[in-house]
Amino acid sequence: MEAEDKVLEHFESVSSDFEAVYEGGQDFWLYKLIDITFRNAILEKRRKLTIDLCGNVEGKNILDIGCGPGRYVVDLAQKKPESVLGVDMSASMIEIAQRKADALGLSKLCEFEMADFMKKNFEKRFDIVIACGIFDYIYEPKAFLSKIRNVLNGRAIISFPVKWTLMTPLRMIWLAKRKCPNFYYTRSMINKLLYSCGFRIEKVYKMGSFIVPGNYLVACKVEK
């Protein structure tokens, strides 16, 4: 089975648990404590910072790659963009995202599509491209970044998992047991990767700690 199939299999199996991380919906107290800590340390901070980095989105076209349960999409849909599209390979994730948009009355303001970003043909370029929580699982990051560059007409906001924290080995073991590929980055690796793919880095934020698996959140544009 190809690496991307294993990633898809992983997210199909954990889609409900993945959303529970945001909602605090785990029943077992220890899982709930871990989820709250992880959410406060990484996911919510990353989401809020990503939305801030998008700036004024009124009239802009936005793409969220690997949109998962759709939180970025529904947040941005309320800020009067021209369009906001979330794509994800997981049917379960798209279903959760669509239900969220419907519940908030935003189904006419945003669009979700089950699709492989690398295989999808886009009819337009996007002013903002978001790729958060994706490069953890990308076997060929240069090819993925090249595709982002080809559909980008403005700013890309991309997260990369920090290579070493105290809990990183535990995450590696957990994903290895599920045969799900996972990758990690240092700041120098990110710089080299983005520059080699024709991007100019604007801002870099590091989130997390030496204990909690962290992220670098990078805002960048195509070098001209």
Protein backbone atom coordinates (compact mmCIF):
# COMPACT_ATOMS: atom_id res chain seq x y z
CA MET A 1 0.00 0.00 0.00
CA GLU A 2 1.32 3.47 -0.93
CA ALA A 3 2.25 5.94 1.79
CA GLU A 4 -0.65 8.26 0.94
CA ASP A 5 -3.09 5.35 1.25
CA LYS A 6 -1.79 4.66 4.74
CA VAL A 7 -2.23 8.32 5.66
CA LEU A 8 -5.80 8.24 4.33
CA GLU A 9 -6.52 5.02 6.20
CA HIS A 10 -5.20 6.61 9.39
CA PHE A 11 -7.39 9.71 9.13
CA GLU A 12 -10.49 7.76 8.13
CA SER A 13 -10.10 5.71 11.30
CA VAL A 14 -9.46 8.63 13.66
CA SER A 15 -11.73 11.31 12.18
CA SER A 16 -14.20 11.33 15.10
CA ASP A 17 -11.38 11.27 17.67
CA PHE A 18 -9.59 14.04 15.76
CA GLU A 19 -12.61 16.31 16.12
CA ALA A 20 -12.89 15.36 19.79
CA VAL A 21 -9.47 16.92 20.34
CA TYR A 22 -11.02 20.29 19.43
CA GLU A 23 -14.28 19.72 21.25
CA GLY A 24 -12.83 18.19 24.42
CA GLY A 25 -15.13 15.26 23.76
CA GLN A 26 -12.99 12.40 25.02
CA ASP A 27 -14.65 10.42 27.82
CA PHE A 28 -11.59 9.16 29.67
CA TRP A 29 -10.21 11.88 31.96
CA LEU A 30 -6.57 11.29 30.99
CA TYR A 31 -7.32 11.52 27.26
CA LYS A 32 -9.36 14.66 27.91
CA LEU A 33 -6.49 16.22 29.87
CA ILE A 34 -4.02 15.41 27.08
CA ASP A 35 -6.41 16.78 24.46
CA ILE A 36 -6.99 20.02 26.35
CA THR A 37 -3.24 20.49 26.84
CA PHE A 38 -2.49 19.69 23.21
CA ARG A 39 -5.33 21.85 21.92
CA ASN A 40 -4.36 24.87 24.02
CA ALA A 41 -0.66 24.47 23.27
CA ILE A 42 -0.83 23.84 19.53
CA LEU A 43 -4.09 23.46 17.63
CA GLU A 44 -6.03 26.49 18.83
CA LYS A 45 -2.98 28.74 18.85
CA ARG A 46 -2.09 27.59 15.34
CA ARG A 47 -5.64 28.13 14.10
CA LYS A 48 -5.93 31.63 15.55
CA LEU A 49 -2.51 32.66 14.29
CA THR A 50 -3.25 31.26 10.83
CA ILE A 51 -6.50 33.25 10.64
CA ASP A 52 -4.62 36.37 11.74
CA LEU A 53 -1.94 35.81 9.08
CA CYS A 54 -4.65 35.62 6.43
CA GLY A 55 -5.37 39.29 7.16
CA ASN A 56 -8.25 40.97 5.38
CA VAL A 57 -9.73 38.19 3.23
CA GLU A 58 -12.64 40.16 1.81
CA GLY A 59 -12.95 39.42 -1.92
CA LYS A 60 -10.13 36.86 -1.87
CA ASN A 61 -10.01 33.24 -3.03
CA ILE A 62 -8.77 30.85 -0.34
CA LEU A 63 -7.74 27.20 -0.42
CA ASP A 64 -7.31 25.01 2.67
CA ILE A 65 -5.40 21.82 1.84
CA GLY A 66 -6.13 18.93 4.17
CA CYS A 67 -8.99 20.89 5.70
CA GLY A 68 -9.92 18.09 8.11
CA PRO A 69 -13.04 19.02 10.13
CA GLY A 70 -13.23 22.40 8.41
CA ARG A 71 -12.47 24.80 11.23
CA TYR A 72 -10.27 27.14 9.19
CA VAL A 73 -12.76 27.15 6.33
CA VAL A 74 -15.82 28.06 8.43
CA ASP A 75 -13.86 30.73 10.30
CA LEU A 76 -12.75 32.36 7.06
CA ALA A 77 -16.15 31.99 5.38
CA GLN A 78 -17.54 34.49 7.88
CA LYS A 79 -15.07 37.18 6.76
CA LYS A 80 -16.55 37.81 3.27
CA PRO A 81 -14.01 36.12 0.98
CA GLU A 82 -14.80 35.66 -2.70
CA SER A 83 -14.52 31.90 -2.16
CA VAL A 84 -13.09 29.45 0.34
CA LEU A 85 -12.48 25.82 -0.61
CA GLY A 86 -11.44 23.00 1.71
CA VAL A 87 -10.07 19.81 0.19
CA ASP A 88 -9.29 16.59 2.02
CA MET A 89 -8.77 12.98 0.95
CA SER A 90 -10.84 11.69 3.86
CA ALA A 91 -14.56 11.31 3.21
CA SER A 92 -15.18 11.22 6.97
CA MET A 93 -13.39 14.53 7.49
CA ILE A 94 -15.33 16.17 4.64
CA GLU A 95 -18.58 14.91 6.15
CA ILE A 96 -17.71 16.43 9.53
CA ALA A 97 -16.70 19.71 7.89
CA GLN A 98 -19.90 19.91 5.87
CA ARG A 99 -22.04 19.23 8.94
CA LYS A 100 -20.21 22.01 10.78
CA ALA A 101 -20.83 24.48 7.95
CA ASP A 102 -24.50 23.47 7.75
CA ALA A 103 -24.96 23.86 11.51
CA LEU A 104 -23.53 27.39 11.36
CA GLY A 105 -25.57 28.35 8.30
CA LEU A 106 -22.42 28.73 6.20
CA SER A 107 -22.96 26.03 3.59
CA LYS A 108 -23.51 28.62 0.84
CA LEU A 109 -20.38 30.55 1.78
CA CYS A 110 -17.83 27.73 1.72
CA GLU A 111 -17.15 24.59 -0.27
CA PHE A 112 -15.69 21.23 0.68
CA GLU A 113 -14.39 18.61 -1.70
CA MET A 114 -13.01 15.13 -1.16
CA ALA A 115 -9.91 15.23 -3.34
CA ASP A 116 -6.21 14.50 -3.50
CA PHE A 117 -4.55 17.91 -3.77
CA MET A 118 -1.70 16.52 -5.86
CA LYS A 119 -4.08 14.99 -8.42
CA LYS A 120 -6.71 17.72 -8.56
CA ASN A 121 -6.74 20.22 -11.42
CA PHE A 122 -7.56 23.72 -10.23
CA GLU A 123 -9.27 26.19 -12.54
CA LYS A 124 -7.95 29.27 -10.75
CA ARG A 125 -5.19 30.52 -8.51
CA PHE A 126 -5.71 31.38 -4.87
CA ASP A 127 -4.80 34.52 -2.96
CA ILE A 128 -4.26 32.46 0.19
CA VAL A 129 -3.29 28.80 0.51
CA ILE A 130 -3.34 27.11 3.92
CA ALA A 131 -1.56 23.81 4.53
CA CYS A 132 -1.61 23.09 8.26
CA GLY A 133 -1.01 19.63 9.69
CA ILE A 134 -0.12 18.26 6.24
CA PHE A 135 3.66 18.12 6.04
CA ASP A 136 3.71 15.70 8.95
CA TYR A 137 2.71 13.05 6.39
CA ILE A 138 4.15 14.21 3.06
CA TYR A 139 6.77 11.85 1.63
CA GLU A 140 7.80 14.21 -1.19
CA PRO A 141 7.55 17.76 0.24
CA LYS A 142 9.26 19.41 -2.75
CA ALA A 143 6.64 18.13 -5.17
CA PHE A 144 3.86 19.20 -2.80
CA LEU A 145 5.32 22.69 -2.39
CA SER A 146 5.76 23.02 -6.14
CA LYS A 147 2.06 22.30 -6.59
CA ILE A 148 1.22 24.92 -3.95
CA ARG A 149 3.42 27.43 -5.78
CA ASN A 150 1.59 26.70 -9.04
CA VAL A 151 -1.85 27.51 -7.58
CA LEU A 152 -0.75 30.41 -5.37
CA ASN A 153 -1.25 34.05 -6.21
CA GLY A 154 -0.46 35.51 -2.80
CA ARG A 155 0.47 34.13 0.64
CA ALA A 156 0.88 30.53 1.75
CA ILE A 157 0.57 29.62 5.42
CA ILE A 158 2.19 26.26 6.13
CA SER A 159 2.90 24.30 9.29
CA PHE A 160 5.81 21.91 9.80
CA PRO A 161 6.15 19.62 12.83
CA VAL A 162 9.14 20.35 15.07
CA LYS A 163 11.68 17.57 14.79
CA TRP A 164 12.45 16.90 18.44
CA THR A 165 10.38 17.27 21.58
CA LEU A 166 10.04 14.97 24.56
CA MET A 167 6.84 13.44 23.17
CA THR A 168 7.95 13.18 19.54
CA PRO A 169 9.26 9.60 19.92
CA LEU A 170 5.88 8.55 21.37
CA ARG A 171 4.09 10.03 18.38
CA MET A 172 6.52 8.30 16.04
CA ILE A 173 5.85 4.95 17.70
CA TRP A 174 2.07 5.43 17.66
CA LEU A 175 2.00 6.32 13.97
CA ALA A 176 4.52 3.59 13.11
CA LYS A 177 2.20 1.02 14.67
CA ARG A 178 -0.52 2.28 12.34
CA LYS A 179 1.98 2.12 9.48
CA CYS A 180 1.33 5.81 8.87
CA PRO A 181 4.38 7.74 7.58
CA ASN A 182 5.40 10.78 9.60
CA PHE A 183 8.09 13.40 9.10
CA TYR A 184 9.64 16.18 11.19
CA TYR A 185 11.63 19.34 10.48
CA THR A 186 14.24 21.65 11.91
CA ARG A 187 14.20 25.38 11.15
CA SER A 188 17.17 25.00 8.79
CA MET A 189 15.45 22.16 6.93
CA ILE A 190 12.38 24.36 6.42
CA ASN A 191 14.43 27.30 5.17
CA LYS A 192 16.31 25.14 2.69
CA LEU A 193 13.15 23.39 1.50
CA LEU A 194 11.11 26.54 0.92
CA TYR A 195 13.92 28.45 -0.77
CA SER A 196 14.65 25.51 -3.06
CA CYS A 197 10.99 25.52 -4.14
CA GLY A 198 10.94 29.21 -4.96
CA PHE A 199 9.35 30.65 -1.82
CA ARG A 200 10.33 33.74 0.15
CA ILE A 201 9.77 33.36 3.89
CA GLU A 202 7.98 36.30 5.52
CA LYS A 203 7.43 35.12 9.08
CA VAL A 204 8.13 32.01 11.15
CA TYR A 205 6.47 31.20 14.47
CA LYS A 206 7.40 28.29 16.71
CA MET A 207 4.67 26.77 18.86
CA GLY A 208 4.81 24.11 21.54
CA SER A 209 7.49 23.30 24.08
CA PHE A 210 10.23 20.80 24.72
CA ILE A 211 7.49 18.46 25.99
CA VAL A 212 4.53 18.87 23.64
CA PRO A 213 4.99 18.08 19.92
CA GLY A 214 5.27 21.51 18.35
CA ASN A 215 4.89 23.25 15.02
CA TYR A 216 6.65 25.87 12.99
CA LEU A 217 4.04 28.06 11.31
CA VAL A 218 5.46 29.74 8.22
CA ALA A 219 4.00 32.56 6.15
CA CYS A 220 5.61 32.76 2.74
CA LYS A 221 5.15 33.99 -0.83
CA VAL A 222 6.44 32.94 -4.21
CA GLU A 223 9.82 34.52 -4.91
CA LYS A 224 9.65 36.79 -7.95
